[in-house]
Protein backbone atom coordinates (compact mmCIF):
# COMPACT_ATOMS: atom_id res chain seq x y z
CA MET A 1 24.43 -27.30 22.73
CA VAL A 2 24.76 -23.69 21.59
CA GLU A 3 24.56 -22.42 25.17
CA ASP A 4 27.16 -24.97 26.32
CA ALA A 5 29.50 -23.93 23.48
CA ARG A 6 28.94 -20.25 24.30
CA ASP A 7 29.81 -20.87 27.97
CA GLU A 8 32.98 -22.78 27.04
CA VAL A 9 34.13 -20.06 24.63
CA THR A 10 33.35 -17.36 27.20
CA GLU A 11 35.40 -19.18 29.86
CA LEU A 12 38.30 -19.73 27.45
CA LEU A 13 38.34 -16.08 26.28
CA ARG A 14 38.16 -14.74 29.85
CA ARG A 15 41.18 -16.89 30.82
CA ARG A 16 43.23 -15.92 27.74
CA ARG A 17 42.45 -12.21 28.17
CA GLY A 18 43.03 -12.28 31.90
CA VAL A 19 39.61 -10.92 32.85
CA ALA A 20 39.00 -11.03 36.61
CA ALA A 21 36.10 -13.13 37.90
CA SER A 22 34.23 -10.06 39.19
CA ALA A 23 34.83 -7.98 36.02
CA PRO A 24 32.45 -7.91 33.03
CA ASN A 25 33.43 -9.48 29.72
CA ASP A 26 35.52 -7.25 27.47
CA PHE A 27 34.37 -9.13 24.36
CA GLY A 28 31.13 -10.23 22.74
CA ILE A 29 29.95 -13.53 21.32
CA THR A 30 27.47 -13.55 18.46
CA THR A 31 25.57 -16.63 17.34
CA GLN A 32 23.49 -17.34 14.28
CA GLU A 33 20.40 -16.87 16.43
CA ASP A 34 21.55 -13.35 17.32
CA LEU A 35 22.11 -12.55 13.65
CA LEU A 36 18.72 -14.00 12.77
CA ASP A 37 17.05 -11.85 15.44
CA LEU A 38 18.81 -8.78 14.04
CA TYR A 39 17.69 -9.72 10.54
CA HIS A 40 14.06 -10.05 11.71
CA LYS A 41 14.22 -6.67 13.45
CA ILE A 42 15.64 -4.97 10.36
CA THR A 43 13.14 -6.55 7.97
CA GLY A 44 10.29 -5.77 10.39
CA ALA A 45 11.32 -2.12 10.51
CA PHE A 46 11.68 -2.05 6.72
CA PHE A 47 8.20 -3.54 6.35
CA LEU A 48 6.73 -0.93 8.71
CA VAL A 49 8.42 1.95 6.86
CA THR A 50 7.22 0.57 3.53
CA LEU A 51 3.68 0.23 4.90
CA VAL A 52 3.65 3.83 6.14
CA ILE A 53 5.04 5.21 2.87
CA SER A 54 2.57 3.23 0.74
CA SER A 55 -0.31 4.32 3.00
CA ILE A 56 0.64 7.95 2.49
CA GLY A 57 0.82 7.30 -1.26
CA LEU A 58 -2.64 5.71 -1.24
CA LEU A 59 -4.05 8.65 0.73
CA VAL A 60 -2.58 11.20 -1.68
CA GLY A 61 -3.75 9.18 -4.68
CA GLY A 62 -7.22 8.81 -3.17
CA ILE A 63 -7.50 12.55 -2.59
CA GLY A 64 -6.49 13.07 -6.22
CA VAL A 65 -9.19 10.65 -7.37
CA MET A 66 -11.76 12.44 -5.21
CA ASN A 67 -10.74 15.78 -6.67
CA MET A 68 -10.99 14.47 -10.23
CA MET A 69 -14.40 12.97 -9.53
CA LEU A 70 -15.68 16.21 -7.97
CA ILE A 71 -14.52 18.09 -11.06
CA SER A 72 -16.26 15.49 -13.21
CA VAL A 73 -19.50 15.98 -11.24
CA ARG A 74 -19.26 19.73 -11.69
CA GLU A 75 -18.53 19.49 -15.43
CA ARG A 76 -21.34 16.98 -15.96
CA THR A 77 -23.97 18.66 -13.81
CA ARG A 78 -26.24 19.21 -16.80
CA GLU A 79 -25.91 15.54 -17.84
CA ILE A 80 -26.79 14.45 -14.30
CA GLY A 81 -29.82 16.74 -14.39
CA VAL A 82 -30.99 15.22 -17.69
CA ARG A 83 -30.57 11.69 -16.35
CA ALA A 84 -32.45 12.56 -13.16
CA ALA A 85 -35.22 14.31 -15.11
CA LEU A 86 -35.63 11.24 -17.30
CA GLY A 87 -36.10 9.01 -14.26
CA ALA A 88 -32.64 7.91 -13.15
CA ARG A 89 -32.68 7.06 -9.46
CA ARG A 90 -30.14 8.44 -7.04
CA ALA A 91 -28.64 4.95 -6.76
CA ASP A 92 -28.16 4.85 -10.55
CA ILE A 93 -26.30 8.16 -10.60
CA MET A 94 -24.26 7.21 -7.54
CA GLY A 95 -23.42 3.83 -9.09
CA GLN A 96 -22.24 5.48 -12.30
CA PHE A 97 -19.77 7.72 -10.48
CA LEU A 98 -18.58 4.92 -8.20
CA VAL A 99 -17.91 2.70 -11.23
CA GLU A 100 -15.94 5.54 -12.82
CA ALA A 101 -13.88 6.05 -9.64
CA VAL A 102 -13.17 2.32 -9.28
CA THR A 103 -12.25 2.06 -12.97
CA LEU A 104 -9.87 4.97 -12.58
CA THR A 105 -8.11 3.42 -9.58
CA LEU A 106 -8.03 -0.07 -11.11
CA VAL A 107 -6.35 1.29 -14.23
CA GLY A 108 -3.80 2.95 -11.94
CA GLY A 109 -3.37 -0.33 -10.06
CA VAL A 110 -2.80 -2.30 -13.26
CA LEU A 111 -0.27 0.28 -14.47
CA GLY A 112 1.48 0.13 -11.08
CA LEU A 113 1.59 -3.67 -11.20
CA GLY A 114 3.02 -3.57 -14.71
CA LEU A 115 5.67 -1.04 -13.72
CA GLY A 116 6.56 -3.04 -10.60
CA TRP A 117 6.80 -6.25 -12.61
CA ALA A 118 9.04 -4.59 -15.21
CA LEU A 119 11.27 -3.18 -12.48
CA ALA A 120 11.49 -6.57 -10.76
CA LEU A 121 12.33 -8.20 -14.09
CA GLY A 122 15.10 -5.66 -14.63
CA VAL A 123 16.53 -6.37 -11.17
CA ARG A 124 16.31 -10.10 -11.87
CA LEU A 125 18.23 -9.76 -15.12
CA ALA A 126 20.83 -7.38 -13.66
CA PHE A 127 21.56 -9.24 -10.43
CA LYS A 128 20.53 -12.81 -11.28
CA VAL A 129 18.03 -13.05 -8.40
CA PRO A 130 14.82 -15.08 -8.63
CA LEU A 131 11.55 -13.33 -9.43
CA ALA A 132 8.39 -14.44 -7.65
CA LEU A 133 4.96 -13.11 -8.54
CA SER A 134 2.06 -14.44 -6.52
CA LEU A 135 -1.51 -14.29 -7.72
CA GLY A 136 -2.57 -13.51 -4.16
CA GLY A 137 -0.36 -10.43 -4.14
CA VAL A 138 -1.73 -9.29 -7.49
CA ALA A 139 -5.29 -9.83 -6.26
CA ALA A 140 -4.56 -7.92 -3.05
CA ALA A 141 -3.07 -5.00 -5.00
CA LEU A 142 -6.07 -4.81 -7.29
CA GLY A 143 -8.42 -5.16 -4.31
CA VAL A 144 -6.74 -2.26 -2.52
CA SER A 145 -6.94 -0.20 -5.72
CA ALA A 146 -10.67 -0.88 -5.98
CA ALA A 147 -11.19 -0.13 -2.28
CA VAL A 148 -9.44 3.23 -2.68
CA GLY A 149 -11.73 4.00 -5.61
CA ILE A 150 -14.83 3.11 -3.60
CA PHE A 151 -13.73 4.98 -0.46
CA PHE A 152 -12.63 8.17 -2.18
CA GLY A 153 -15.37 8.02 -4.83
CA LEU A 154 -18.24 7.82 -2.36
CA TYR A 155 -18.48 11.52 -1.57
CA PRO A 156 -18.42 12.72 -5.20
CA ALA A 157 -20.94 10.01 -6.14
CA TRP A 158 -23.18 10.97 -3.23
CA ARG A 159 -22.90 14.64 -4.18
CA ALA A 160 -23.84 13.86 -7.80
CA SER A 161 -26.84 11.81 -6.70
CA ARG A 162 -28.10 14.67 -4.48
CA LEU A 163 -28.21 17.28 -7.23
CA ASP A 164 -31.63 18.78 -7.80
CA PRO A 165 -32.63 17.93 -11.40
CA ILE A 166 -34.13 21.37 -12.08
CA GLU A 167 -31.12 23.25 -10.73
CA ALA A 168 -28.80 20.87 -12.60
CA LEU A 169 -30.60 21.50 -15.89
CA ARG A 170 -30.23 25.25 -15.38
CA TYR A 171 -26.53 24.94 -14.62
CA GLU A 172 -24.03 26.22 -17.17
């Protein structure tokens, strides 16, 4: 029915405007479907831009976590040497630093979720729009935070686990 209505309106407008049969239309007709397609294109582009920006933010944050963990390994070299000398396995030392990295990123994730929730609440109160918070979204955010901690904490943890206990005990 939409196509039939579009054809009728096109014919009527061409007659009223005096457009020749061989000439192109000098007007445009927009339907709700056209507007919906435009809306989907705009929101798709917005989603892509948001994804790229957040990925860059995660990369920068992950590099910061890795840097902090490498500094922590360097500052605690003697402690690592003592643990290794007392029988700690490489997996134990690596696990300790991975847990620290994941804890660091999870705390950041929780703070980010709290800030986002507070901002959304402020927008809700200011503009009277509904606020929706899904547990799946919260779980995904925390999962990504933990994954960043694991990914960017692996190298510092591996480096800590590879320290020679004797050299580590001499370090200072």
